[in-house]
Each structure stands twice: as structure tokens, then as C-alpha cells.
Amino acid sequence: MTHPVRQFPRVVWVLAALGALVVVTPVAALLIETPWSSFGDVLGDASVRGALARSVGVAVGVAALSAVLGVPLALVLARSQRPWAGMLRRLVVLPLVLPPVAGGVALLLTVGRRGLLGGPLAGVGIEIPFTIAAVVVAQLFVAMPFVVVTVEAADRALPPEPEEIAATLGAGPARRLRSITLPRLGGAIGSGVVLSWARAMGELGATLTLAGNLPGRTQTGPLLVLLALESDPNAAVVVSVALLVVSVVLLVAGRGRWVPYIGSSSRSRRPGG
């Protein structure tokens, strides 16, 4: 017998079915319309393999950088009571809602040849636009906030008692971070890294604006799909399916590991900035 709490009005089931169709139907259409007979030929093309490998490789690097930079930032935002923390938090999450092309323009004004940082860098022979470094910068800009948001929320929900007890026993900040804080945030960090990897894999607008769509240099899977839609729609479909497969593999590999482990049923919210 169904538990009463799990019973819903019929309208909930209808709306849930419509919501599922919104997600499932496009995926089904993609698989149904895929030209499977030419699938191997398209993926056998060196430029296609290069774009897909570039997407995966850069996304992995961006996810790692997002963890290295985003986790410390998340901890500072979660635990700081300074007035500036609130404003910084809003700026950090801005790339989540900022149109990607607008983000690309902002990056051009930052690291472009005449940009805020790009000018001094160009003076010493370092140019970022339209290089693989530009792909990394663009994807890091849009992907790192996922790590920050996920880890900050999890850290705010952690009960502070274990760290307080460790501090009274003489454990310093570094030891508490290594032995208590990071292990308890392992699930949240994993979730954020996976989300940042997925966002980097699908990034298009900011990458196109800052890095261009140069085959063999800055072209990634999504950029290749955009180009192929104009000249070879079948190739665009095949590459899209390949990206879908990579995403599904990631989902299966991370199944059951993405929910942040809080470590206690009791939760206390830390004061924010």
C-alpha cells in the first residue's frame, strides 16, 4: 500500500509527466534521428576526434582548477562575517546567470590585447585570446561558480562542533582543514567538480567570443556542432550524440556519489557575510 505522504493529486502527476517529456523527448529525438550508418565515419575524422578530445581534456583541467580555486573561496564565503563577503558572493555566482556571450565580452575586456590584464600580459609576450589558454579561461569563468555554490552551501550546513573540539585539543587550522573539514565536504566537492566539468563540456558562448572557433586549435565539441550545423547537419548530430554518451558515462560513474555528505543529522547554519 502506498504511504499517504507519497500520494499526490492527479494534477501533480500530469505536470510531472509533462516535465519529464520536456527533458526526455529531445534526447529521444536525437537518438532516433542519428545517422548511425555514418556514425563511425564521422567520428573517424581527425578534426572531429581532436575537437572531442579537446573538449574532454580542457573540461578535466577546468574542473581541477575549479576545485583548487573554488573550494578555498567557498570556505571563505561560508565562514566570513565581513561586509564584503556578501558582495563577493553575488559577483562569484554572476556567471551562472550572465549570458555566455556577455561573459565572453567581459573576458575580452579583461585578458584581450587591450584589456585590463591583457595589455600588461601582451607587453611581456603573453597573449591569451584565440589560444587554448582562452578556452580554459572562458570555461573556468563559467564553471567554477558551481564548485563555490555547492561547497559553500554544504559547509554552512556542517555542524561546527567537530572542528571546535579539535581546536580545543590543540589542532591548528591546517590540520583541522585536512583532517576534518575537507573529508566532511568530500561529497560536496565531488558534486561541484562534476557540475563544473559538465558545464565546461557544454560551454559555447564565452569560448566562441574569447577563443574563436579555430579547427585544430580552439575548436571544442560544442563549437564543432555549431559549425557543422551550417555545412553538415549529420555530422552535427553525430558529434552531439558523442557528447551525450560522454555525459551519460559521467552520470553513471558518479551515481550515488554526488549528494554532499553532511556527517550529522543535526545542522547549524553559519553566519554569512
C-alpha atoms as a PDB file:
ATOM      1  CA  MET A   1       0.000   0.000   0.000  1.00  0.00           C
ATOM      2  CA  THR A   2       1.296   3.437  -0.937  1.00  0.00           C
ATOM      3  CA  HIS A   3       2.269   5.600   2.002  1.00  0.00           C
ATOM      4  CA  PRO A   4      -0.210   8.536   2.320  1.00  0.00           C
ATOM      5  CA  VAL A   5       2.610  11.097   2.292  1.00  0.00           C
ATOM      6  CA  ARG A   6       3.696   9.816  -1.132  1.00  0.00           C
ATOM      7  CA  GLN A   7       0.275  10.233  -2.695  1.00  0.00           C
ATOM      8  CA  PHE A   8      -0.288  13.290  -4.891  1.00  0.00           C
ATOM      9  CA  PRO A   9      -3.234  14.951  -6.606  1.00  0.00           C
ATOM     10  CA  ARG A  10      -3.646  13.902 -10.208  1.00  0.00           C
ATOM     11  CA  VAL A  11      -2.509  17.304 -11.450  1.00  0.00           C
ATOM     12  CA  VAL A  12       0.930  16.693  -9.909  1.00  0.00           C
ATOM     13  CA  TRP A  13       1.322  13.504 -11.954  1.00  0.00           C
ATOM     14  CA  VAL A  14       0.192  15.270 -15.129  1.00  0.00           C
ATOM     15  CA  LEU A  15       2.634  18.148 -14.639  1.00  0.00           C
ATOM     16  CA  ALA A  16       5.417  15.716 -13.704  1.00  0.00           C
ATOM     17  CA  ALA A  17       4.781  13.772 -16.925  1.00  0.00           C
ATOM     18  CA  LEU A  18       4.923  16.976 -18.969  1.00  0.00           C
ATOM     19  CA  GLY A  19       8.142  17.960 -17.208  1.00  0.00           C
ATOM     20  CA  ALA A  20       9.661  14.574 -17.997  1.00  0.00           C
ATOM     21  CA  LEU A  21       8.648  14.918 -21.653  1.00  0.00           C
ATOM     22  CA  VAL A  22      10.423  18.269 -21.871  1.00  0.00           C
ATOM     23  CA  VAL A  23      13.684  16.532 -20.957  1.00  0.00           C
ATOM     24  CA  VAL A  24      13.246  13.071 -22.461  1.00  0.00           C
ATOM     25  CA  THR A  25      11.731  13.946 -25.859  1.00  0.00           C
ATOM     26  CA  PRO A  26      14.705  15.924 -27.250  1.00  0.00           C
ATOM     27  CA  VAL A  27      17.127  13.177 -26.171  1.00  0.00           C
ATOM     28  CA  ALA A  28      14.922  10.549 -27.800  1.00  0.00           C
ATOM     29  CA  ALA A  29      14.662  12.638 -30.975  1.00  0.00           C
ATOM     30  CA  LEU A  30      18.442  12.987 -31.098  1.00  0.00           C
ATOM     31  CA  LEU A  31      18.936   9.222 -30.832  1.00  0.00           C
ATOM     32  CA  ILE A  32      16.158   8.418 -33.314  1.00  0.00           C
ATOM     33  CA  GLU A  33      17.419  10.853 -35.949  1.00  0.00           C
ATOM     34  CA  THR A  34      21.089   9.903 -35.604  1.00  0.00           C
ATOM     35  CA  PRO A  35      22.552   8.651 -38.919  1.00  0.00           C
ATOM     36  CA  TRP A  36      24.025   5.514 -37.378  1.00  0.00           C
ATOM     37  CA  SER A  37      25.314   4.255 -40.737  1.00  0.00           C
ATOM     38  CA  SER A  38      27.762   7.168 -40.939  1.00  0.00           C
ATOM     39  CA  PHE A  39      28.490   7.344 -37.215  1.00  0.00           C
ATOM     40  CA  GLY A  40      31.876   5.659 -37.474  1.00  0.00           C
ATOM     41  CA  ASP A  41      32.934   7.687 -40.498  1.00  0.00           C
ATOM     42  CA  VAL A  42      32.188  10.992 -38.787  1.00  0.00           C
ATOM     43  CA  LEU A  43      33.993  10.041 -35.584  1.00  0.00           C
ATOM     44  CA  GLY A  44      36.877   8.736 -37.662  1.00  0.00           C
ATOM     45  CA  ASP A  45      37.598  12.218 -38.952  1.00  0.00           C
ATOM     46  CA  ALA A  46      40.726  13.618 -37.319  1.00  0.00           C
ATOM     47  CA  SER A  47      39.211  17.067 -36.772  1.00  0.00           C
ATOM     48  CA  VAL A  48      36.184  15.577 -35.015  1.00  0.00           C
ATOM     49  CA  ARG A  49      38.315  13.392 -32.767  1.00  0.00           C
ATOM     50  CA  GLY A  50      40.537  16.367 -31.996  1.00  0.00           C
ATOM     51  CA  ALA A  51      37.599  18.606 -31.061  1.00  0.00           C
ATOM     52  CA  LEU A  52      36.085  15.935 -28.808  1.00  0.00           C
ATOM     53  CA  ALA A  53      39.429  15.181 -27.153  1.00  0.00           C
ATOM     54  CA  ARG A  54      39.985  18.900 -26.651  1.00  0.00           C
ATOM     55  CA  SER A  55      36.570  19.226 -25.018  1.00  0.00           C
ATOM     56  CA  VAL A  56      37.196  16.388 -22.602  1.00  0.00           C
ATOM     57  CA  GLY A  57      40.779  17.383 -21.800  1.00  0.00           C
ATOM     58  CA  VAL A  58      40.077  21.056 -21.221  1.00  0.00           C
ATOM     59  CA  ALA A  59      36.975  20.255 -19.160  1.00  0.00           C
ATOM     60  CA  VAL A  60      39.021  17.954 -16.924  1.00  0.00           C
ATOM     61  CA  GLY A  61      41.626  20.661 -16.412  1.00  0.00           C
ATOM     62  CA  VAL A  62      38.954  23.280 -15.748  1.00  0.00           C
ATOM     63  CA  ALA A  63      37.245  21.008 -13.207  1.00  0.00           C
ATOM     64  CA  ALA A  64      40.549  20.528 -11.403  1.00  0.00           C
ATOM     65  CA  LEU A  65      41.257  24.274 -11.390  1.00  0.00           C
ATOM     66  CA  SER A  66      37.704  24.901 -10.203  1.00  0.00           C
ATOM     67  CA  ALA A  67      38.360  22.668  -7.205  1.00  0.00           C
ATOM     68  CA  VAL A  68      41.773  24.186  -6.425  1.00  0.00           C
ATOM     69  CA  LEU A  69      40.457  27.759  -6.568  1.00  0.00           C
ATOM     70  CA  GLY A  70      36.778  27.287  -5.805  1.00  0.00           C
ATOM     71  CA  VAL A  71      36.962  25.239  -2.604  1.00  0.00           C
ATOM     72  CA  PRO A  72      39.065  27.812  -0.697  1.00  0.00           C
ATOM     73  CA  LEU A  73      36.829  30.602  -1.991  1.00  0.00           C
ATOM     74  CA  ALA A  74      33.737  28.691  -0.875  1.00  0.00           C
ATOM     75  CA  LEU A  75      35.154  28.212   2.622  1.00  0.00           C
ATOM     76  CA  VAL A  76      35.990  31.901   2.933  1.00  0.00           C
ATOM     77  CA  LEU A  77      32.496  32.914   1.799  1.00  0.00           C
ATOM     78  CA  ALA A  78      30.803  30.373   4.073  1.00  0.00           C
ATOM     79  CA  ARG A  79      32.637  31.430   7.212  1.00  0.00           C
ATOM     80  CA  SER A  80      33.378  35.105   6.749  1.00  0.00           C
ATOM     81  CA  GLN A  81      31.260  37.658   8.602  1.00  0.00           C
ATOM     82  CA  ARG A  82      32.909  40.626   6.885  1.00  0.00           C
ATOM     83  CA  PRO A  83      30.661  43.058   4.963  1.00  0.00           C
ATOM     84  CA  TRP A  84      32.484  42.419   1.695  1.00  0.00           C
ATOM     85  CA  ALA A  85      31.668  38.706   1.710  1.00  0.00           C
ATOM     86  CA  GLY A  86      28.066  39.225   0.650  1.00  0.00           C
ATOM     87  CA  MET A  87      29.043  41.347  -2.346  1.00  0.00           C
ATOM     88  CA  LEU A  88      31.781  38.936  -3.347  1.00  0.00           C
ATOM     89  CA  ARG A  89      29.301  36.057  -3.163  1.00  0.00           C
ATOM     90  CA  ARG A  90      26.979  37.837  -5.590  1.00  0.00           C
ATOM     91  CA  LEU A  91      29.814  38.505  -8.014  1.00  0.00           C
ATOM     92  CA  VAL A  92      31.018  34.896  -7.854  1.00  0.00           C
ATOM     93  CA  VAL A  93      27.615  33.469  -8.783  1.00  0.00           C
ATOM     94  CA  LEU A  94      27.049  36.081 -11.500  1.00  0.00           C
ATOM     95  CA  PRO A  95      28.449  33.843 -14.291  1.00  0.00           C
ATOM     96  CA  LEU A  96      25.628  31.380 -13.538  1.00  0.00           C
ATOM     97  CA  VAL A  97      23.041  33.865 -14.795  1.00  0.00           C
ATOM     98  CA  LEU A  98      25.134  36.046 -17.098  1.00  0.00           C
ATOM     99  CA  PRO A  99      24.524  35.375 -20.821  1.00  0.00           C
ATOM    100  CA  PRO A 100      27.592  33.458 -22.063  1.00  0.00           C
ATOM    101  CA  VAL A 101      28.325  35.912 -24.868  1.00  0.00           C
ATOM    102  CA  ALA A 102      28.253  38.798 -22.388  1.00  0.00           C
ATOM    103  CA  GLY A 103      30.676  36.826 -20.252  1.00  0.00           C
ATOM    104  CA  GLY A 104      32.917  36.420 -23.283  1.00  0.00           C
ATOM    105  CA  VAL A 105      32.887  40.163 -23.887  1.00  0.00           C
ATOM    106  CA  ALA A 106      33.786  40.759 -20.235  1.00  0.00           C
ATOM    107  CA  LEU A 107      36.673  38.325 -20.573  1.00  0.00           C
ATOM    108  CA  LEU A 108      37.875  40.067 -23.733  1.00  0.00           C
ATOM    109  CA  LEU A 109      37.922  43.344 -21.818  1.00  0.00           C
ATOM    110  CA  THR A 110      39.950  41.598 -19.135  1.00  0.00           C
ATOM    111  CA  VAL A 111      42.514  39.474 -20.981  1.00  0.00           C
ATOM    112  CA  GLY A 112      42.219  40.824 -24.527  1.00  0.00           C
ATOM    113  CA  ARG A 113      45.194  42.566 -26.103  1.00  0.00           C
ATOM    114  CA  ARG A 114      43.920  45.917 -24.844  1.00  0.00           C
ATOM    115  CA  GLY A 115      42.202  44.523 -21.773  1.00  0.00           C
ATOM    116  CA  LEU A 116      42.691  45.297 -18.124  1.00  0.00           C
ATOM    117  CA  LEU A 117      45.149  42.421 -17.700  1.00  0.00           C
ATOM    118  CA  GLY A 118      45.695  41.547 -21.342  1.00  0.00           C
ATOM    119  CA  GLY A 119      47.599  44.746 -22.092  1.00  0.00           C
ATOM    120  CA  PRO A 120      50.310  44.171 -19.463  1.00  0.00           C
ATOM    121  CA  LEU A 121      50.464  40.481 -20.411  1.00  0.00           C
ATOM    122  CA  ALA A 122      50.887  41.324 -24.091  1.00  0.00           C
ATOM    123  CA  GLY A 123      53.726  43.651 -23.100  1.00  0.00           C
ATOM    124  CA  VAL A 124      55.688  40.639 -21.851  1.00  0.00           C
ATOM    125  CA  GLY A 125      54.755  38.468 -24.818  1.00  0.00           C
ATOM    126  CA  ILE A 126      51.776  36.598 -23.349  1.00  0.00           C
ATOM    127  CA  GLU A 127      48.605  36.661 -25.459  1.00  0.00           C
ATOM    128  CA  ILE A 128      45.522  34.744 -24.377  1.00  0.00           C
ATOM    129  CA  PRO A 129      42.732  35.428 -26.943  1.00  0.00           C
ATOM    130  CA  PHE A 130      42.283  32.793 -29.644  1.00  0.00           C
ATOM    131  CA  THR A 131      44.554  30.275 -27.944  1.00  0.00           C
ATOM    132  CA  ILE A 132      43.873  27.121 -25.943  1.00  0.00           C
ATOM    133  CA  ALA A 133      44.514  29.220 -22.834  1.00  0.00           C
ATOM    134  CA  ALA A 134      41.499  31.323 -23.820  1.00  0.00           C
ATOM    135  CA  VAL A 135      39.363  28.182 -23.879  1.00  0.00           C
ATOM    136  CA  VAL A 136      40.494  27.364 -20.340  1.00  0.00           C
ATOM    137  CA  VAL A 137      39.881  30.913 -19.095  1.00  0.00           C
ATOM    138  CA  ALA A 138      36.405  31.095 -20.636  1.00  0.00           C
ATOM    139  CA  GLN A 139      35.338  27.720 -19.288  1.00  0.00           C
ATOM    140  CA  LEU A 140      36.797  28.373 -15.845  1.00  0.00           C
ATOM    141  CA  PHE A 141      34.843  31.631 -15.651  1.00  0.00           C
ATOM    142  CA  VAL A 142      31.507  29.883 -16.203  1.00  0.00           C
ATOM    143  CA  ALA A 143      32.257  26.580 -14.428  1.00  0.00           C
ATOM    144  CA  MET A 144      33.989  27.461 -11.151  1.00  0.00           C
ATOM    145  CA  PRO A 145      30.857  29.019  -9.572  1.00  0.00           C
ATOM    146  CA  PHE A 146      29.304  25.544  -9.458  1.00  0.00           C
ATOM    147  CA  VAL A 147      32.046  24.400  -7.096  1.00  0.00           C
ATOM    148  CA  VAL A 148      31.768  27.547  -4.984  1.00  0.00           C
ATOM    149  CA  VAL A 149      27.986  27.375  -4.620  1.00  0.00           C
ATOM    150  CA  THR A 150      27.903  23.651  -3.873  1.00  0.00           C
ATOM    151  CA  VAL A 151      30.736  23.629  -1.342  1.00  0.00           C
ATOM    152  CA  GLU A 152      29.658  26.830   0.384  1.00  0.00           C
ATOM    153  CA  ALA A 153      26.124  25.505   0.919  1.00  0.00           C
ATOM    154  CA  ALA A 154      27.456  22.222   2.298  1.00  0.00           C
ATOM    155  CA  ASP A 155      29.934  23.927   4.620  1.00  0.00           C
ATOM    156  CA  ARG A 156      27.246  26.212   6.022  1.00  0.00           C
ATOM    157  CA  ALA A 157      25.184  23.113   6.855  1.00  0.00           C
ATOM    158  CA  LEU A 158      28.020  21.351   8.670  1.00  0.00           C
ATOM    159  CA  PRO A 159      27.806  21.362  12.489  1.00  0.00           C
ATOM    160  CA  PRO A 160      30.863  23.230  13.785  1.00  0.00           C
ATOM    161  CA  GLU A 161      31.335  21.087  16.897  1.00  0.00           C
ATOM    162  CA  PRO A 162      33.924  18.629  15.486  1.00  0.00           C
ATOM    163  CA  GLU A 163      36.231  21.470  14.456  1.00  0.00           C
ATOM    164  CA  GLU A 164      35.681  23.289  17.740  1.00  0.00           C
ATOM    165  CA  ILE A 165      36.570  20.164  19.696  1.00  0.00           C
ATOM    166  CA  ALA A 166      39.670  19.620  17.574  1.00  0.00           C
ATOM    167  CA  ALA A 167      40.710  23.232  18.191  1.00  0.00           C
ATOM    168  CA  THR A 168      40.404  22.804  21.965  1.00  0.00           C
ATOM    169  CA  LEU A 169      42.615  19.703  21.675  1.00  0.00           C
ATOM    170  CA  GLY A 170      45.334  21.748  20.016  1.00  0.00           C
ATOM    171  CA  ALA A 171      44.753  21.041  16.323  1.00  0.00           C
ATOM    172  CA  GLY A 172      45.815  24.004  14.192  1.00  0.00           C
ATOM    173  CA  PRO A 173      43.864  25.430  11.229  1.00  0.00           C
ATOM    174  CA  ALA A 174      45.801  23.392   8.646  1.00  0.00           C
ATOM    175  CA  ARG A 175      45.278  20.125  10.488  1.00  0.00           C
ATOM    176  CA  ARG A 176      41.573  20.828  11.061  1.00  0.00           C
ATOM    177  CA  LEU A 177      41.167  21.627   7.378  1.00  0.00           C
ATOM    178  CA  ARG A 178      42.976  18.475   6.274  1.00  0.00           C
ATOM    179  CA  SER A 179      41.560  16.036   8.828  1.00  0.00           C
ATOM    180  CA  ILE A 180      38.035  17.300   9.470  1.00  0.00           C
ATOM    181  CA  THR A 181      36.729  19.942   7.088  1.00  0.00           C
ATOM    182  CA  LEU A 182      37.750  18.548   3.704  1.00  0.00           C
ATOM    183  CA  PRO A 183      36.768  14.917   4.460  1.00  0.00           C
ATOM    184  CA  ARG A 184      33.310  16.027   5.562  1.00  0.00           C
ATOM    185  CA  LEU A 185      32.975  18.128   2.407  1.00  0.00           C
ATOM    186  CA  GLY A 186      34.143  15.335   0.107  1.00  0.00           C
ATOM    187  CA  GLY A 187      30.701  14.679  -1.358  1.00  0.00           C
ATOM    188  CA  ALA A 188      30.026  18.360  -1.962  1.00  0.00           C
ATOM    189  CA  ILE A 189      33.422  18.870  -3.575  1.00  0.00           C
ATOM    190  CA  GLY A 190      32.785  15.886  -5.841  1.00  0.00           C
ATOM    191  CA  SER A 191      29.369  17.264  -6.779  1.00  0.00           C
ATOM    192  CA  GLY A 192      30.781  20.671  -7.586  1.00  0.00           C
ATOM    193  CA  VAL A 193      33.638  19.253  -9.640  1.00  0.00           C
ATOM    194  CA  VAL A 194      31.277  17.082 -11.690  1.00  0.00           C
ATOM    195  CA  LEU A 195      28.924  20.011 -12.293  1.00  0.00           C
ATOM    196  CA  SER A 196      31.808  22.269 -13.307  1.00  0.00           C
ATOM    197  CA  TRP A 197      33.133  19.580 -15.656  1.00  0.00           C
ATOM    198  CA  ALA A 198      29.704  19.222 -17.260  1.00  0.00           C
ATOM    199  CA  ARG A 199      29.338  22.991 -17.615  1.00  0.00           C
ATOM    200  CA  ALA A 200      32.776  23.264 -19.185  1.00  0.00           C
ATOM    201  CA  MET A 201      31.980  20.447 -21.612  1.00  0.00           C
ATOM    202  CA  GLY A 202      28.906  22.293 -22.852  1.00  0.00           C
ATOM    203  CA  GLU A 203      30.331  25.818 -22.863  1.00  0.00           C
ATOM    204  CA  LEU A 204      29.850  27.675 -26.150  1.00  0.00           C
ATOM    205  CA  GLY A 205      29.216  31.430 -25.999  1.00  0.00           C
ATOM    206  CA  ALA A 206      32.083  32.669 -23.848  1.00  0.00           C
ATOM    207  CA  THR A 207      34.522  30.276 -25.522  1.00  0.00           C
ATOM    208  CA  LEU A 208      33.485  31.383 -29.004  1.00  0.00           C
ATOM    209  CA  THR A 209      33.850  35.058 -28.073  1.00  0.00           C
ATOM    210  CA  LEU A 210      37.240  34.790 -26.383  1.00  0.00           C
ATOM    211  CA  ALA A 211      38.872  31.850 -28.178  1.00  0.00           C
ATOM    212  CA  GLY A 212      37.132  31.741 -31.538  1.00  0.00           C
ATOM    213  CA  ASN A 213      36.323  28.543 -33.419  1.00  0.00           C
ATOM    214  CA  LEU A 214      39.691  27.616 -34.886  1.00  0.00           C
ATOM    215  CA  PRO A 215      39.889  23.963 -36.073  1.00  0.00           C
ATOM    216  CA  GLY A 216      42.850  22.189 -34.565  1.00  0.00           C
ATOM    217  CA  ARG A 217      43.482  24.988 -32.053  1.00  0.00           C
ATOM    218  CA  THR A 218      40.490  26.212 -30.069  1.00  0.00           C
ATOM    219  CA  GLN A 219      37.619  24.229 -31.562  1.00  0.00           C
ATOM    220  CA  THR A 220      35.775  22.115 -28.986  1.00  0.00           C
ATOM    221  CA  GLY A 221      32.896  19.683 -29.425  1.00  0.00           C
ATOM    222  CA  PRO A 222      30.098  22.250 -28.997  1.00  0.00           C
ATOM    223  CA  LEU A 223      31.863  24.688 -31.342  1.00  0.00           C
ATOM    224  CA  LEU A 224      32.230  21.913 -33.914  1.00  0.00           C
ATOM    225  CA  VAL A 225      28.497  21.185 -33.649  1.00  0.00           C
ATOM    226  CA  LEU A 226      27.731  24.861 -34.231  1.00  0.00           C
ATOM    227  CA  LEU A 227      29.926  24.930 -37.337  1.00  0.00           C
ATOM    228  CA  ALA A 228      28.664  21.598 -38.661  1.00  0.00           C
ATOM    229  CA  LEU A 229      25.015  22.653 -38.399  1.00  0.00           C
ATOM    230  CA  GLU A 230      25.647  25.036 -41.294  1.00  0.00           C
ATOM    231  CA  SER A 231      27.507  22.654 -43.588  1.00  0.00           C
ATOM    232  CA  ASP A 232      26.942  19.050 -42.438  1.00  0.00           C
ATOM    233  CA  PRO A 233      23.884  18.521 -40.201  1.00  0.00           C
ATOM    234  CA  ASN A 234      24.510  14.768 -39.983  1.00  0.00           C
ATOM    235  CA  ALA A 235      27.951  15.387 -38.523  1.00  0.00           C
ATOM    236  CA  ALA A 236      26.431  17.821 -36.027  1.00  0.00           C
ATOM    237  CA  VAL A 237      24.023  15.109 -34.884  1.00  0.00           C
ATOM    238  CA  VAL A 238      26.793  12.512 -34.556  1.00  0.00           C
ATOM    239  CA  VAL A 239      29.024  14.815 -32.515  1.00  0.00           C
ATOM    240  CA  SER A 240      26.057  15.722 -30.321  1.00  0.00           C
ATOM    241  CA  VAL A 241      25.429  12.036 -29.638  1.00  0.00           C
ATOM    242  CA  ALA A 242      29.114  11.548 -28.813  1.00  0.00           C
ATOM    243  CA  LEU A 243      28.915  14.385 -26.285  1.00  0.00           C
ATOM    244  CA  LEU A 244      25.735  12.837 -24.912  1.00  0.00           C
ATOM    245  CA  VAL A 245      27.470   9.489 -24.451  1.00  0.00           C
ATOM    246  CA  VAL A 246      30.339  11.121 -22.568  1.00  0.00           C
ATOM    247  CA  SER A 247      27.830  12.858 -20.288  1.00  0.00           C
ATOM    248  CA  VAL A 248      25.929   9.615 -19.640  1.00  0.00           C
ATOM    249  CA  VAL A 249      29.160   7.814 -18.757  1.00  0.00           C
ATOM    250  CA  LEU A 250      29.903  10.561 -16.263  1.00  0.00           C
ATOM    251  CA  LEU A 251      26.418  10.258 -14.768  1.00  0.00           C
ATOM    252  CA  VAL A 252      26.734   6.504 -14.382  1.00  0.00           C
ATOM    253  CA  ALA A 253      30.232   6.745 -12.911  1.00  0.00           C
ATOM    254  CA  GLY A 254      29.127   9.295 -10.330  1.00  0.00           C
ATOM    255  CA  ARG A 255      25.790   7.706  -9.476  1.00  0.00           C
ATOM    256  CA  GLY A 256      25.145   7.757  -5.747  1.00  0.00           C
ATOM    257  CA  ARG A 257      28.219   9.864  -5.002  1.00  0.00           C
ATOM    258  CA  TRP A 258      27.031  13.385  -5.702  1.00  0.00           C
ATOM    259  CA  VAL A 259      24.941  14.135  -2.631  1.00  0.00           C
ATOM    260  CA  PRO A 260      27.151  16.024  -0.169  1.00  0.00           C
ATOM    261  CA  TYR A 261      27.725  14.012   2.994  1.00  0.00           C
ATOM    262  CA  ILE A 262      26.996  16.286   5.899  1.00  0.00           C
ATOM    263  CA  GLY A 263      28.180  13.830   8.526  1.00  0.00           C
ATOM    264  CA  SER A 264      25.453  14.535  11.059  1.00  0.00           C
ATOM    265  CA  SER A 265      21.705  14.822  11.127  1.00  0.00           C
ATOM    266  CA  SER A 266      21.929  17.982  13.228  1.00  0.00           C
ATOM    267  CA  ARG A 267      22.688  21.113  11.247  1.00  0.00           C
ATOM    268  CA  SER A 268      23.555  24.637  12.254  1.00  0.00           C
ATOM    269  CA  ARG A 269      23.839  27.463   9.755  1.00  0.00           C
ATOM    270  CA  ARG A 270      26.959  29.541   9.893  1.00  0.00           C
ATOM    271  CA  PRO A 271      26.540  33.293   9.783  1.00  0.00           C
ATOM    272  CA  GLY A 272      27.167  34.737   6.352  1.00  0.00           C
ATOM    273  CA  GLY A 273      28.712  37.966   5.226  1.00  0.00           C
END
